[in-house]
């Protein structure tokens, strides 16, 4: 499920304190990863801080895709590697897929729009059968918190 909301100010780097989505700098996906651990919602002036230490190879995450141009953001989840999901989104954008919210955004707003991805939640579970339920709950939590 991808939902979006317009952000006026986007992300700010207010000091990571060891948290964030870190770039491995060895793959071609890292240029699309934001290492910020927080951003401020200009409409509500609320600061959202993410207390996660993840990378492009992290699995079972909820993430934001934030447009570099208009600051609209999309909330999504993946149980696979973050870089695999980002790669799929980039491919969908390049093929202007009608099934991808990010692709629809670029198609309607213009090709100058691109996205950075950051992890809001990282789930570490011992029981694998609960992964889907928990990630869907976390995704819904962020959609509600961000009023997306």
C-alpha atoms as a PDB file:
ATOM      1  CA  UNK A   1       0.000   0.000   0.000  1.00  0.00           C
ATOM      2  CA  UNK A   2       1.462   3.351  -0.990  1.00  0.00           C
ATOM      3  CA  UNK A   3      -0.211   6.534   0.138  1.00  0.00           C
ATOM      4  CA  UNK A   4       1.056  10.041  -0.301  1.00  0.00           C
ATOM      5  CA  UNK A   5       0.861  13.423   1.339  1.00  0.00           C
ATOM      6  CA  UNK A   6       2.350  16.711   0.228  1.00  0.00           C
ATOM      7  CA  UNK A   7       5.156  18.014   2.422  1.00  0.00           C
ATOM      8  CA  UNK A   8       6.236  21.587   2.059  1.00  0.00           C
ATOM      9  CA  UNK A   9       9.611  21.397   3.750  1.00  0.00           C
ATOM     10  CA  UNK A  10      10.686  17.791   3.353  1.00  0.00           C
ATOM     11  CA  UNK A  11      13.616  16.345   5.208  1.00  0.00           C
ATOM     12  CA  UNK A  12      16.071  18.073   7.442  1.00  0.00           C
ATOM     13  CA  UNK A  13      19.284  16.694   8.818  1.00  0.00           C
ATOM     14  CA  UNK A  14      19.092  17.537  12.506  1.00  0.00           C
ATOM     15  CA  UNK A  15      21.821  15.200  13.642  1.00  0.00           C
ATOM     16  CA  UNK A  16      21.624  11.464  13.259  1.00  0.00           C
ATOM     17  CA  UNK A  17      22.897  10.386  16.679  1.00  0.00           C
ATOM     18  CA  UNK A  18      23.880   7.064  15.108  1.00  0.00           C
ATOM     19  CA  UNK A  19      20.464   6.477  13.615  1.00  0.00           C
ATOM     20  CA  UNK A  20      19.378   6.506   9.998  1.00  0.00           C
ATOM     21  CA  UNK A  21      19.310   4.519   6.794  1.00  0.00           C
ATOM     22  CA  UNK A  22      22.943   4.157   5.875  1.00  0.00           C
ATOM     23  CA  UNK A  23      24.424   3.793   2.431  1.00  0.00           C
ATOM     24  CA  UNK A  24      26.747   0.863   1.730  1.00  0.00           C
ATOM     25  CA  UNK A  25      28.219   2.910  -1.137  1.00  0.00           C
ATOM     26  CA  UNK A  26      28.928  -0.275  -3.092  1.00  0.00           C
ATOM     27  CA  UNK A  27      25.620  -0.650  -4.922  1.00  0.00           C
ATOM     28  CA  UNK A  28      23.951   1.580  -7.493  1.00  0.00           C
ATOM     29  CA  UNK A  29      20.861   1.992  -5.285  1.00  0.00           C
ATOM     30  CA  UNK A  30      22.590   3.903  -2.468  1.00  0.00           C
ATOM     31  CA  UNK A  31      22.302   7.206  -4.321  1.00  0.00           C
ATOM     32  CA  UNK A  32      18.534   6.912  -3.760  1.00  0.00           C
ATOM     33  CA  UNK A  33      18.871   6.306  -0.005  1.00  0.00           C
ATOM     34  CA  UNK A  34      18.617   9.247   2.390  1.00  0.00           C
ATOM     35  CA  UNK A  35      20.766   8.842   5.494  1.00  0.00           C
ATOM     36  CA  UNK A  36      18.657  11.323   7.481  1.00  0.00           C
ATOM     37  CA  UNK A  37      16.930   9.935  10.529  1.00  0.00           C
ATOM     38  CA  UNK A  38      14.264  12.634  10.697  1.00  0.00           C
ATOM     39  CA  UNK A  39      12.231  15.166   8.804  1.00  0.00           C
ATOM     40  CA  UNK A  40       9.886  17.936   9.789  1.00  0.00           C
ATOM     41  CA  UNK A  41       6.337  18.099   8.537  1.00  0.00           C
ATOM     42  CA  UNK A  42       5.878  21.731   7.572  1.00  0.00           C
ATOM     43  CA  UNK A  43       2.075  21.631   7.687  1.00  0.00           C
ATOM     44  CA  UNK A  44       2.032  20.513  11.327  1.00  0.00           C
ATOM     45  CA  UNK A  45       5.605  21.595  12.271  1.00  0.00           C
ATOM     46  CA  UNK A  46       5.955  18.149  13.782  1.00  0.00           C
ATOM     47  CA  UNK A  47       9.368  16.535  13.781  1.00  0.00           C
ATOM     48  CA  UNK A  48       9.421  12.837  12.997  1.00  0.00           C
ATOM     49  CA  UNK A  49      12.532  11.035  14.184  1.00  0.00           C
ATOM     50  CA  UNK A  50      13.305   7.465  13.201  1.00  0.00           C
ATOM     51  CA  UNK A  51      15.252   5.433  15.762  1.00  0.00           C
ATOM     52  CA  UNK A  52      16.512   2.804  13.358  1.00  0.00           C
ATOM     53  CA  UNK A  53      19.920   1.750  12.140  1.00  0.00           C
ATOM     54  CA  UNK A  54      19.374   0.216   8.741  1.00  0.00           C
ATOM     55  CA  UNK A  55      20.968  -0.013   5.330  1.00  0.00           C
ATOM     56  CA  UNK A  56      20.032  -0.781   1.774  1.00  0.00           C
ATOM     57  CA  UNK A  57      20.219  -4.520   2.553  1.00  0.00           C
ATOM     58  CA  UNK A  58      17.834  -4.348   5.521  1.00  0.00           C
ATOM     59  CA  UNK A  59      14.718  -6.478   5.323  1.00  0.00           C
ATOM     60  CA  UNK A  60      11.248  -6.165   6.850  1.00  0.00           C
ATOM     61  CA  UNK A  61      11.051  -2.373   6.803  1.00  0.00           C
ATOM     62  CA  UNK A  62       8.526   0.421   6.451  1.00  0.00           C
ATOM     63  CA  UNK A  63       9.914   3.301   4.452  1.00  0.00           C
ATOM     64  CA  UNK A  64       9.183   6.726   3.053  1.00  0.00           C
ATOM     65  CA  UNK A  65       9.796   7.663  -0.552  1.00  0.00           C
ATOM     66  CA  UNK A  66      10.116  11.454  -0.593  1.00  0.00           C
ATOM     67  CA  UNK A  67      10.029  13.461  -3.811  1.00  0.00           C
ATOM     68  CA  UNK A  68      13.093  15.686  -4.134  1.00  0.00           C
ATOM     69  CA  UNK A  69      11.122  18.368  -5.999  1.00  0.00           C
ATOM     70  CA  UNK A  70       7.663  18.761  -4.452  1.00  0.00           C
ATOM     71  CA  UNK A  71       8.254  16.920  -1.139  1.00  0.00           C
ATOM     72  CA  UNK A  72       5.261  14.616  -1.503  1.00  0.00           C
ATOM     73  CA  UNK A  73       5.924  11.411   0.347  1.00  0.00           C
ATOM     74  CA  UNK A  74       4.777   7.855  -0.025  1.00  0.00           C
ATOM     75  CA  UNK A  75       4.639   5.266   2.754  1.00  0.00           C
ATOM     76  CA  UNK A  76       5.428   1.687   1.822  1.00  0.00           C
ATOM     77  CA  UNK A  77       6.686  -1.576   3.243  1.00  0.00           C
ATOM     78  CA  UNK A  78       8.761  -4.492   2.117  1.00  0.00           C
ATOM     79  CA  UNK A  79       9.702  -7.800   3.662  1.00  0.00           C
ATOM     80  CA  UNK A  80      12.570  -8.169   1.207  1.00  0.00           C
ATOM     81  CA  UNK A  81      15.803  -6.151   0.951  1.00  0.00           C
ATOM     82  CA  UNK A  82      15.141  -2.426   0.785  1.00  0.00           C
ATOM     83  CA  UNK A  83      17.412  -2.068  -2.237  1.00  0.00           C
ATOM     84  CA  UNK A  84      15.400  -4.682  -4.149  1.00  0.00           C
ATOM     85  CA  UNK A  85      12.175  -2.772  -3.517  1.00  0.00           C
ATOM     86  CA  UNK A  86      13.807   0.552  -4.416  1.00  0.00           C
ATOM     87  CA  UNK A  87      15.156  -1.013  -7.618  1.00  0.00           C
ATOM     88  CA  UNK A  88      11.636  -2.210  -8.521  1.00  0.00           C
ATOM     89  CA  UNK A  89      10.239   1.279  -7.912  1.00  0.00           C
ATOM     90  CA  UNK A  90      12.935   2.837 -10.105  1.00  0.00           C
ATOM     91  CA  UNK A  91      12.204   0.313 -12.852  1.00  0.00           C
ATOM     92  CA  UNK A  92       8.462   1.046 -12.631  1.00  0.00           C
ATOM     93  CA  UNK A  93       9.190   4.769 -12.892  1.00  0.00           C
ATOM     94  CA  UNK A  94      11.383   4.235 -15.954  1.00  0.00           C
ATOM     95  CA  UNK A  95       8.629   2.179 -17.621  1.00  0.00           C
ATOM     96  CA  UNK A  96       5.843   4.576 -16.466  1.00  0.00           C
ATOM     97  CA  UNK A  97       3.914   1.724 -14.894  1.00  0.00           C
ATOM     98  CA  UNK A  98       0.303   2.537 -14.092  1.00  0.00           C
ATOM     99  CA  UNK A  99       0.479   0.184 -11.093  1.00  0.00           C
ATOM    100  CA  UNK A 100       3.178   2.094  -9.192  1.00  0.00           C
ATOM    101  CA  UNK A 101       2.230   5.203  -7.194  1.00  0.00           C
ATOM    102  CA  UNK A 102       5.729   6.656  -7.627  1.00  0.00           C
ATOM    103  CA  UNK A 103       5.550   6.162 -11.384  1.00  0.00           C
ATOM    104  CA  UNK A 104       2.148   7.840 -11.496  1.00  0.00           C
ATOM    105  CA  UNK A 105       3.591  10.760  -9.546  1.00  0.00           C
ATOM    106  CA  UNK A 106       6.480  11.251 -11.976  1.00  0.00           C
ATOM    107  CA  UNK A 107       4.162  10.887 -14.951  1.00  0.00           C
ATOM    108  CA  UNK A 108       1.727  13.523 -13.651  1.00  0.00           C
ATOM    109  CA  UNK A 109       4.268  15.949 -12.140  1.00  0.00           C
ATOM    110  CA  UNK A 110       7.138  15.687 -14.609  1.00  0.00           C
ATOM    111  CA  UNK A 111      10.316  13.723 -15.187  1.00  0.00           C
ATOM    112  CA  UNK A 112      12.385  16.102 -13.048  1.00  0.00           C
ATOM    113  CA  UNK A 113      10.740  14.554  -9.968  1.00  0.00           C
ATOM    114  CA  UNK A 114      12.790  11.844  -8.267  1.00  0.00           C
ATOM    115  CA  UNK A 115      12.718  10.116  -4.900  1.00  0.00           C
ATOM    116  CA  UNK A 116      14.906   9.449  -1.882  1.00  0.00           C
ATOM    117  CA  UNK A 117      14.060   6.558   0.421  1.00  0.00           C
ATOM    118  CA  UNK A 118      14.418   6.371   4.183  1.00  0.00           C
ATOM    119  CA  UNK A 119      13.369   3.723   6.696  1.00  0.00           C
ATOM    120  CA  UNK A 120      10.854   4.670   9.393  1.00  0.00           C
ATOM    121  CA  UNK A 121      10.636   1.259  11.073  1.00  0.00           C
ATOM    122  CA  UNK A 122      12.652  -1.925  10.981  1.00  0.00           C
ATOM    123  CA  UNK A 123      11.080  -5.067  12.336  1.00  0.00           C
ATOM    124  CA  UNK A 124      13.119  -7.854  13.859  1.00  0.00           C
ATOM    125  CA  UNK A 125      10.961 -10.893  14.457  1.00  0.00           C
ATOM    126  CA  UNK A 126      11.786 -14.332  15.679  1.00  0.00           C
ATOM    127  CA  UNK A 127       8.629 -15.906  14.257  1.00  0.00           C
ATOM    128  CA  UNK A 128       8.599 -15.516  10.484  1.00  0.00           C
ATOM    129  CA  UNK A 129       4.886 -16.277  10.107  1.00  0.00           C
ATOM    130  CA  UNK A 130       3.970 -12.918  11.715  1.00  0.00           C
ATOM    131  CA  UNK A 131       6.027 -10.726   9.375  1.00  0.00           C
ATOM    132  CA  UNK A 132       3.263  -9.695   6.980  1.00  0.00           C
ATOM    133  CA  UNK A 133       0.812  -8.796   9.742  1.00  0.00           C
ATOM    134  CA  UNK A 134       3.360  -6.757  11.680  1.00  0.00           C
ATOM    135  CA  UNK A 135       4.679  -4.858   8.660  1.00  0.00           C
ATOM    136  CA  UNK A 136       1.146  -4.023   7.544  1.00  0.00           C
ATOM    137  CA  UNK A 137       0.388  -2.711  11.048  1.00  0.00           C
ATOM    138  CA  UNK A 138       3.568  -0.613  11.072  1.00  0.00           C
ATOM    139  CA  UNK A 139       2.815   0.736   7.603  1.00  0.00           C
ATOM    140  CA  UNK A 140      -0.686   1.713   8.725  1.00  0.00           C
ATOM    141  CA  UNK A 141       0.757   3.338  11.852  1.00  0.00           C
ATOM    142  CA  UNK A 142       2.988   5.602   9.721  1.00  0.00           C
ATOM    143  CA  UNK A 143       0.199   6.423   7.280  1.00  0.00           C
ATOM    144  CA  UNK A 144      -1.913   7.600  10.218  1.00  0.00           C
ATOM    145  CA  UNK A 145       0.916   9.420  12.006  1.00  0.00           C
ATOM    146  CA  UNK A 146       1.920  11.294   8.848  1.00  0.00           C
ATOM    147  CA  UNK A 147      -1.687  11.876   7.816  1.00  0.00           C
ATOM    148  CA  UNK A 148      -0.926  10.442   4.419  1.00  0.00           C
END
